[in-house]
Structures are given as C-alpha cells and as structure tokens.
Amino acid sequence: MIELEFFFDFASQYSYLAATQIEAVAARAGATVRWRPMVLGAVFKATGNDMPARVAAKAAYMVRDVDRWAKRYGVPFRMNSHWPMPTVNAERLCLVADEQGLAAPFALVTFAATWAEDRDINQPAELARLAEAVGLDAKAALERAQAPEIKDRLRANTDEAVARGAFGAPAIFVGDQLFWGNDRLHFVEEALAAAAAR
C-alpha cells in the first residue's frame, strides 16, 4: 500500500488545515498516512526560513488566509491566544501515541485543541487531557514522552525532513516528491493516484 508521509508541527496553522483533510486525501487513493511530528523552529533554523509572523503584513494576511481555508474546508478555526507557544512536548507525546497506533487521533485532537478551542497545549494538564482523550494512560504517556529515545525520534524526524528538502510545515511526501503547504493537497492527490496506477 502507498504511504503518504505527513510532517507537521502543532504550532502551524497550515498543518492544522492539512491535517483535517489528509486522511481523506489518502483514502481516496487507497493510501495510508504516516503522521510525523517535527520541530518547525529547527527546520526554519536549518534552512534559513522564518515564520510569517515576523513580517507584520504576512502575519495579518496569514490570519485571513487561514480563516478562508477553514471556511472552505468547513472546519472551525480561531487564532490561538497563546500562540506562538512551545509544541515540543505535544509532539513528543504524539510519538508516544504512535507507539500504540494512535498518532492520527492524538494529532487531530491536539490540532483541534490548538486551533479550534484556544487551548495552551504546552501545559501539563492539557497534555494529560489530550492523552486521555485518545485512550492513553496520561501519567505513563507523559513520562514516556520525556524518554531519551522519544526525544531522539523527534529530532530524527526533524533532521530527516530537512535532509529531504523540507523548509516549512506541513511537508508532505509521496515517495521522494515533496509537497509543501495546505494548498498543495490536489497535487498530493495526483501523485498518490499516479503511484497507485504504477
């Protein structure tokens, strides 16, 4: 079966938008999604890129643009009052969820908490709530999220994304083909269809 790799950061509004659509895009092509959290700040640093919020005009445009896309997709969106916030702990917890086959549901509830419910996903109590929402033992999961191998795995995801050409989020791979951004999902779908036809 074809695998689509979805590299994301919970801090990214465009990752949220893509996350609401990515499973359906994959399903239409008979593909699966591999959810791969990465540290967007580290990607920016490694590639010389920067977040749009550092440019006032881009930041204002981005809020309007994300709102338009949310309306197009029929999904809720509200700018998070805690943003920009650290998301590394949530990303590590997503990797813990992945060990139990729960990366997708964990990512989706965490994206919703961030970009629909205005929650601070850097707070331990919030992380515990998110873990419990997908059936994880919160205490054990939060402890596991601080394990060296989980930290190493998040670092490795980030390094791999950069090595493969990623410079922002979401970075979506179909084989060796990189598609950047929520607004490239139609190209992702075409690539999956072409891969399925081979």
Protein backbone atom coordinates (compact mmCIF):
# COMPACT_ATOMS: atom_id res chain seq x y z
CA MET A 1 0.00 0.00 0.00
CA ILE A 2 1.20 3.54 -0.80
CA GLU A 3 2.27 5.60 2.18
CA LEU A 4 1.91 9.35 2.44
CA GLU A 5 4.25 10.95 4.98
CA PHE A 6 2.84 13.98 6.76
CA PHE A 7 5.46 16.08 8.56
CA PHE A 8 3.85 18.71 10.78
CA ASP A 9 4.15 20.95 13.81
CA PHE A 10 1.18 21.72 16.06
CA ALA A 11 2.25 25.39 16.01
CA SER A 12 1.47 25.59 12.29
CA GLN A 13 -2.00 26.74 11.27
CA TYR A 14 -1.49 25.34 7.79
CA SER A 15 -0.53 21.98 9.28
CA TYR A 16 -3.85 22.06 11.13
CA LEU A 17 -5.78 22.75 7.93
CA ALA A 18 -3.97 19.98 6.05
CA ALA A 19 -4.46 17.58 8.95
CA THR A 20 -8.23 17.95 8.70
CA GLN A 21 -8.08 16.74 5.07
CA ILE A 22 -5.08 14.44 4.79
CA GLU A 23 -6.72 11.14 5.76
CA ALA A 24 -9.50 11.66 3.21
CA VAL A 25 -6.97 12.57 0.51
CA ALA A 26 -5.04 9.38 1.23
CA ALA A 27 -8.16 7.21 1.45
CA ARG A 28 -9.34 8.29 -1.99
CA ALA A 29 -6.11 6.88 -3.41
CA GLY A 30 -6.07 3.78 -1.23
CA ALA A 31 -3.03 5.12 0.63
CA THR A 32 -2.14 5.35 4.31
CA VAL A 33 -0.87 8.35 6.24
CA ARG A 34 2.24 8.26 8.39
CA TRP A 35 1.95 11.11 10.91
CA ARG A 36 5.43 12.55 11.57
CA PRO A 37 5.75 15.42 14.03
CA MET A 38 8.79 17.65 13.61
CA VAL A 39 10.10 20.84 15.21
CA LEU A 40 9.30 23.67 12.84
CA GLY A 41 11.62 26.13 14.57
CA ALA A 42 14.53 23.77 13.99
CA VAL A 43 13.52 23.37 10.35
CA PHE A 44 13.49 27.15 9.96
CA LYS A 45 16.90 27.44 11.59
CA ALA A 46 18.40 24.70 9.44
CA THR A 47 17.06 26.14 6.18
CA GLY A 48 17.27 29.88 6.80
CA ASN A 49 13.49 30.20 6.61
CA ASP A 50 11.40 32.13 9.15
CA MET A 51 7.85 32.22 10.44
CA PRO A 52 5.45 34.59 8.61
CA ALA A 53 4.50 36.24 11.91
CA ARG A 54 7.85 38.03 11.94
CA VAL A 55 6.65 40.14 9.00
CA ALA A 56 3.63 42.22 10.05
CA ALA A 57 1.95 42.25 6.63
CA LYS A 58 2.44 38.48 6.21
CA ALA A 59 1.09 37.82 9.70
CA ALA A 60 -2.07 39.82 9.05
CA TYR A 61 -2.55 38.13 5.69
CA MET A 62 -1.96 34.66 7.16
CA VAL A 63 -4.77 35.02 9.71
CA ARG A 64 -7.22 35.99 6.95
CA ASP A 65 -5.93 33.26 4.65
CA VAL A 66 -6.25 30.52 7.27
CA ASP A 67 -9.77 31.71 8.04
CA ARG A 68 -10.67 31.45 4.32
CA TRP A 69 -9.29 27.92 4.10
CA ALA A 70 -11.09 26.85 7.27
CA LYS A 71 -14.36 28.08 5.77
CA ARG A 72 -13.55 26.25 2.52
CA TYR A 73 -12.99 23.01 4.43
CA GLY A 74 -15.89 23.55 6.82
CA VAL A 75 -13.68 23.27 9.89
CA PRO A 76 -13.52 25.56 12.93
CA PHE A 77 -10.65 27.96 13.35
CA ARG A 78 -9.77 30.62 15.87
CA MET A 79 -6.40 32.24 16.34
CA ASN A 80 -4.82 30.81 19.47
CA SER A 81 -4.31 33.44 22.15
CA HIS A 82 -1.25 31.52 23.45
CA TRP A 83 0.49 31.42 20.06
CA PRO A 84 3.34 31.19 19.42
CA MET A 85 3.73 28.50 22.06
CA PRO A 86 6.22 25.67 22.55
CA THR A 87 4.87 22.47 20.99
CA VAL A 88 7.79 20.09 21.52
CA ASN A 89 6.13 18.28 24.44
CA ALA A 90 2.94 17.75 22.44
CA GLU A 91 4.99 16.45 19.52
CA ARG A 92 6.84 14.02 21.79
CA LEU A 93 3.52 12.88 23.19
CA CYS A 94 2.31 12.28 19.63
CA LEU A 95 5.26 9.93 19.14
CA VAL A 96 4.23 8.09 22.30
CA ALA A 97 0.70 7.81 20.91
CA ASP A 98 2.20 6.49 17.67
CA GLU A 99 3.75 3.60 19.59
CA GLN A 100 0.17 2.47 20.29
CA GLY A 101 -1.15 3.20 16.80
CA LEU A 102 -2.82 6.42 17.97
CA ALA A 103 -0.78 9.10 16.23
CA ALA A 104 -3.63 10.20 13.95
CA PRO A 105 -6.32 10.58 16.63
CA PHE A 106 -3.87 12.25 19.00
CA ALA A 107 -2.70 14.69 16.34
CA LEU A 108 -6.26 15.55 15.36
CA VAL A 109 -7.47 16.23 18.91
CA THR A 110 -4.33 18.25 19.59
CA PHE A 111 -4.74 20.33 16.44
CA ALA A 112 -8.38 20.94 17.38
CA ALA A 113 -7.40 21.96 20.91
CA THR A 114 -4.88 24.41 19.48
CA TRP A 115 -6.71 25.92 16.51
CA ALA A 116 -10.38 25.46 17.33
CA GLU A 117 -10.54 25.57 21.15
CA ASP A 118 -7.82 28.12 22.03
CA ARG A 119 -6.08 25.77 24.49
CA ASP A 120 -2.46 26.02 25.63
CA ILE A 121 -1.09 22.63 24.62
CA ASN A 122 2.19 23.30 26.39
CA GLN A 123 0.56 22.93 29.81
CA PRO A 124 0.98 19.51 31.52
CA ALA A 125 -2.70 19.35 32.50
CA GLU A 126 -3.72 19.99 28.91
CA LEU A 127 -1.32 17.38 27.62
CA ALA A 128 -2.76 14.89 30.10
CA ARG A 129 -6.29 15.71 28.91
CA LEU A 130 -5.26 15.14 25.28
CA ALA A 131 -3.60 11.84 26.12
CA GLU A 132 -6.71 10.64 27.94
CA ALA A 133 -8.92 11.77 25.06
CA VAL A 134 -7.39 9.11 22.83
CA GLY A 135 -7.25 6.38 25.49
CA LEU A 136 -3.68 6.74 26.71
CA ASP A 137 -2.71 6.45 30.35
CA ALA A 138 -1.84 10.12 30.86
CA LYS A 139 0.75 9.68 33.60
CA ALA A 140 2.60 6.89 31.81
CA ALA A 141 2.40 8.68 28.45
CA LEU A 142 3.76 11.95 29.83
CA GLU A 143 6.64 10.10 31.47
CA ARG A 144 7.35 8.18 28.27
CA ALA A 145 7.36 11.46 26.31
CA GLN A 146 10.47 12.53 28.24
CA ALA A 147 12.39 9.32 27.45
CA PRO A 148 15.65 9.88 25.54
CA GLU A 149 14.54 7.67 22.65
CA ILE A 150 11.37 9.71 22.15
CA LYS A 151 13.36 12.95 22.17
CA ASP A 152 15.82 11.38 19.72
CA ARG A 153 12.98 10.26 17.46
CA LEU A 154 11.53 13.78 17.24
CA ARG A 155 15.00 15.14 16.47
CA ALA A 156 15.47 12.44 13.82
CA ASN A 157 12.10 13.27 12.21
CA THR A 158 13.12 16.91 12.02
CA ASP A 159 16.56 16.17 10.62
CA GLU A 160 15.11 13.77 8.06
CA ALA A 161 12.53 16.30 6.89
CA VAL A 162 15.26 18.88 6.32
CA ALA A 163 17.53 16.36 4.59
CA ARG A 164 14.69 15.51 2.22
CA GLY A 165 14.10 19.16 1.30
CA ALA A 166 11.50 20.39 3.79
CA PHE A 167 11.69 24.07 4.73
CA GLY A 168 8.30 24.60 6.38
CA ALA A 169 5.13 22.87 7.51
CA PRO A 170 3.26 20.92 6.52
CA ALA A 171 5.75 18.98 4.42
CA ILE A 172 4.04 16.09 2.67
CA PHE A 173 5.95 13.34 0.89
CA VAL A 174 4.69 10.84 -1.65
CA GLY A 175 7.81 8.77 -2.16
CA ASP A 176 10.56 11.29 -2.90
CA GLN A 177 8.16 14.02 -4.01
CA LEU A 178 7.76 16.92 -1.57
CA PHE A 179 4.60 19.00 -1.42
CA TRP A 180 4.63 21.99 0.90
CA GLY A 181 1.55 23.57 2.35
CA ASN A 182 -2.12 23.04 2.85
CA ASP A 183 -2.84 24.45 -0.62
CA ARG A 184 -0.95 21.68 -2.45
CA LEU A 185 -3.23 18.80 -1.47
CA HIS A 186 -4.59 18.50 -5.03
CA PHE A 187 -1.03 17.81 -6.20
CA VAL A 188 -0.60 15.28 -3.39
CA GLU A 189 -3.74 13.51 -4.55
CA GLU A 190 -2.49 13.44 -8.15
CA ALA A 191 0.84 11.98 -7.01
CA LEU A 192 -0.91 9.30 -5.00
CA ALA A 193 -3.13 8.40 -7.95
CA ALA A 194 -0.08 8.16 -10.22
CA ALA A 195 1.72 5.96 -7.69
CA ALA A 196 -1.34 3.71 -7.40
CA ALA A 197 -1.52 3.33 -11.17
CA ARG A 198 2.05 2.06 -11.45
